[in-house]
Each structure stands twice: as C-alpha cells, then as structure tokens.
Amino acid sequence: MNNFCKNCGTKLEGNEQHCPECGTPLNGVPEETLKYYENEEKRAKTSKWFKNSALFLIGAIIFLFVLAWAMSMSYR
C-alpha cells in the first residue's frame, strides 16, 4: 500500500480504498469499470450511426414516393 496519495499527497493510514482528502481511488480503476465505459462509448457511437442511417433511409423512401406521385400526376 502507498503511504501517500498519488493525487494530492495526503498521508495515508493503512488500508483505505479512497484518499480521505481528495477521494482518489488508491488501487486504481478496476478493469471491469474501464471495459464497461469503453463498451458504452462504442454502443453510443453505433446507436447514433444507426439512427442517422434509419432517418436517411426513411427520408429517401418518402422522397421517392413523392417523386413517383408527382410524375404520375403529370402524365394525366
């Protein structure tokens, strides 16, 4: 165990999980936590891409229907 906090330099008594002065985790961030946030970031990017693609596809379909309707009206 470190005798001092790496962030603020506060002297540590023993088996603290966090610095009593600044709250910095003393054992580092658990690997599961890092993986969770990395996966969340990837999911957010994928979700945004999917939403944008879906909106573009819906817009293109509506445009084609309007175009087809307008062309059918001009031939009457």
C-alpha atoms as a PDB file:
ATOM      1  CA  MET A   1       0.000   0.000   0.000  1.00  0.00           C
ATOM      2  CA  ASN A   2       1.188   3.516  -0.753  1.00  0.00           C
ATOM      3  CA  ASN A   3       1.971   5.772   2.167  1.00  0.00           C
ATOM      4  CA  PHE A   4       0.799   8.887   0.338  1.00  0.00           C
ATOM      5  CA  CYS A   5      -1.992   9.683  -2.128  1.00  0.00           C
ATOM      6  CA  LYS A   6      -0.651   9.937  -5.699  1.00  0.00           C
ATOM      7  CA  ASN A   7      -3.086  12.758  -6.456  1.00  0.00           C
ATOM      8  CA  CYS A   8      -2.864  15.150  -3.501  1.00  0.00           C
ATOM      9  CA  GLY A   9      -0.020  13.785  -1.352  1.00  0.00           C
ATOM     10  CA  THR A  10      -2.106  13.211   1.788  1.00  0.00           C
ATOM     11  CA  LYS A  11      -0.515  10.738   4.221  1.00  0.00           C
ATOM     12  CA  LEU A  12      -2.492   7.503   4.371  1.00  0.00           C
ATOM     13  CA  GLU A  13      -3.096   5.449   7.486  1.00  0.00           C
ATOM     14  CA  GLY A  14      -3.431   1.937   6.117  1.00  0.00           C
ATOM     15  CA  ASN A  15      -5.997   0.117   4.026  1.00  0.00           C
ATOM     16  CA  GLU A  16      -8.133   2.948   2.675  1.00  0.00           C
ATOM     17  CA  GLN A  17      -9.865   2.364  -0.656  1.00  0.00           C
ATOM     18  CA  HIS A  18     -10.021   6.108  -1.422  1.00  0.00           C
ATOM     19  CA  CYS A  19      -7.994   9.093  -0.289  1.00  0.00           C
ATOM     20  CA  PRO A  20      -9.778  10.707   2.682  1.00  0.00           C
ATOM     21  CA  GLU A  21      -8.784  14.180   1.418  1.00  0.00           C
ATOM     22  CA  CYS A  22      -9.491  14.159  -2.354  1.00  0.00           C
ATOM     23  CA  GLY A  23     -11.407  10.882  -2.875  1.00  0.00           C
ATOM     24  CA  THR A  24      -8.997   9.443  -5.463  1.00  0.00           C
ATOM     25  CA  PRO A  25      -9.203   5.627  -5.695  1.00  0.00           C
ATOM     26  CA  LEU A  26      -5.964   4.285  -4.241  1.00  0.00           C
ATOM     27  CA  ASN A  27      -5.950   0.935  -6.018  1.00  0.00           C
ATOM     28  CA  GLY A  28      -6.651   2.373  -9.458  1.00  0.00           C
ATOM     29  CA  VAL A  29      -9.785   1.888 -11.503  1.00  0.00           C
ATOM     30  CA  PRO A  30     -10.936  -1.747 -11.780  1.00  0.00           C
ATOM     31  CA  GLU A  31     -10.505  -3.241 -15.258  1.00  0.00           C
ATOM     32  CA  GLU A  32     -14.217  -4.131 -15.429  1.00  0.00           C
ATOM     33  CA  THR A  33     -15.118  -0.474 -14.972  1.00  0.00           C
ATOM     34  CA  LEU A  34     -12.820   0.612 -17.800  1.00  0.00           C
ATOM     35  CA  LYS A  35     -14.248  -2.060 -20.115  1.00  0.00           C
ATOM     36  CA  TYR A  36     -17.807  -1.039 -19.212  1.00  0.00           C
ATOM     37  CA  TYR A  37     -17.204   2.594 -20.168  1.00  0.00           C
ATOM     38  CA  GLU A  38     -15.355   1.620 -23.365  1.00  0.00           C
ATOM     39  CA  ASN A  39     -18.314  -0.578 -24.375  1.00  0.00           C
ATOM     40  CA  GLU A  40     -20.803   2.180 -23.532  1.00  0.00           C
ATOM     41  CA  GLU A  41     -18.896   4.595 -25.761  1.00  0.00           C
ATOM     42  CA  LYS A  42     -18.905   2.107 -28.650  1.00  0.00           C
ATOM     43  CA  ARG A  43     -22.625   1.450 -28.154  1.00  0.00           C
ATOM     44  CA  ALA A  44     -23.400   5.168 -28.214  1.00  0.00           C
ATOM     45  CA  LYS A  45     -21.497   5.618 -31.490  1.00  0.00           C
ATOM     46  CA  THR A  46     -23.219   2.609 -33.059  1.00  0.00           C
ATOM     47  CA  SER A  47     -26.620   3.787 -31.877  1.00  0.00           C
ATOM     48  CA  LYS A  48     -26.059   7.274 -33.328  1.00  0.00           C
ATOM     49  CA  TRP A  49     -24.935   5.797 -36.664  1.00  0.00           C
ATOM     50  CA  PHE A  50     -27.988   3.515 -36.750  1.00  0.00           C
ATOM     51  CA  LYS A  51     -30.402   6.379 -36.013  1.00  0.00           C
ATOM     52  CA  ASN A  52     -28.847   8.587 -38.692  1.00  0.00           C
ATOM     53  CA  SER A  53     -28.952   5.762 -41.248  1.00  0.00           C
ATOM     54  CA  ALA A  54     -32.579   4.960 -40.441  1.00  0.00           C
ATOM     55  CA  LEU A  55     -33.614   8.619 -40.780  1.00  0.00           C
ATOM     56  CA  PHE A  56     -31.792   8.920 -44.112  1.00  0.00           C
ATOM     57  CA  LEU A  57     -33.467   5.743 -45.410  1.00  0.00           C
ATOM     58  CA  ILE A  58     -36.942   6.909 -44.352  1.00  0.00           C
ATOM     59  CA  GLY A  59     -36.329  10.308 -45.955  1.00  0.00           C
ATOM     60  CA  ALA A  60     -35.170   8.690 -49.208  1.00  0.00           C
ATOM     61  CA  ILE A  61     -38.261   6.448 -49.325  1.00  0.00           C
ATOM     62  CA  ILE A  62     -40.593   9.399 -48.749  1.00  0.00           C
ATOM     63  CA  PHE A  63     -38.783  11.388 -51.441  1.00  0.00           C
ATOM     64  CA  LEU A  64     -39.177   8.512 -53.932  1.00  0.00           C
ATOM     65  CA  PHE A  65     -42.901   8.180 -53.183  1.00  0.00           C
ATOM     66  CA  VAL A  66     -43.431  11.922 -53.644  1.00  0.00           C
ATOM     67  CA  LEU A  67     -41.416  11.866 -56.859  1.00  0.00           C
ATOM     68  CA  ALA A  68     -43.386   8.890 -58.200  1.00  0.00           C
ATOM     69  CA  TRP A  69     -46.679  10.573 -57.244  1.00  0.00           C
ATOM     70  CA  ALA A  70     -45.647  13.836 -58.934  1.00  0.00           C
ATOM     71  CA  MET A  71     -44.623  12.019 -62.101  1.00  0.00           C
ATOM     72  CA  SER A  72     -47.901  10.068 -62.211  1.00  0.00           C
ATOM     73  CA  MET A  73     -49.854  13.316 -61.838  1.00  0.00           C
ATOM     74  CA  SER A  74     -48.008  14.943 -64.738  1.00  0.00           C
ATOM     75  CA  TYR A  75     -48.972  12.119 -67.144  1.00  0.00           C
ATOM     76  CA  ARG A  76     -52.710  12.532 -66.560  1.00  0.00           C
END
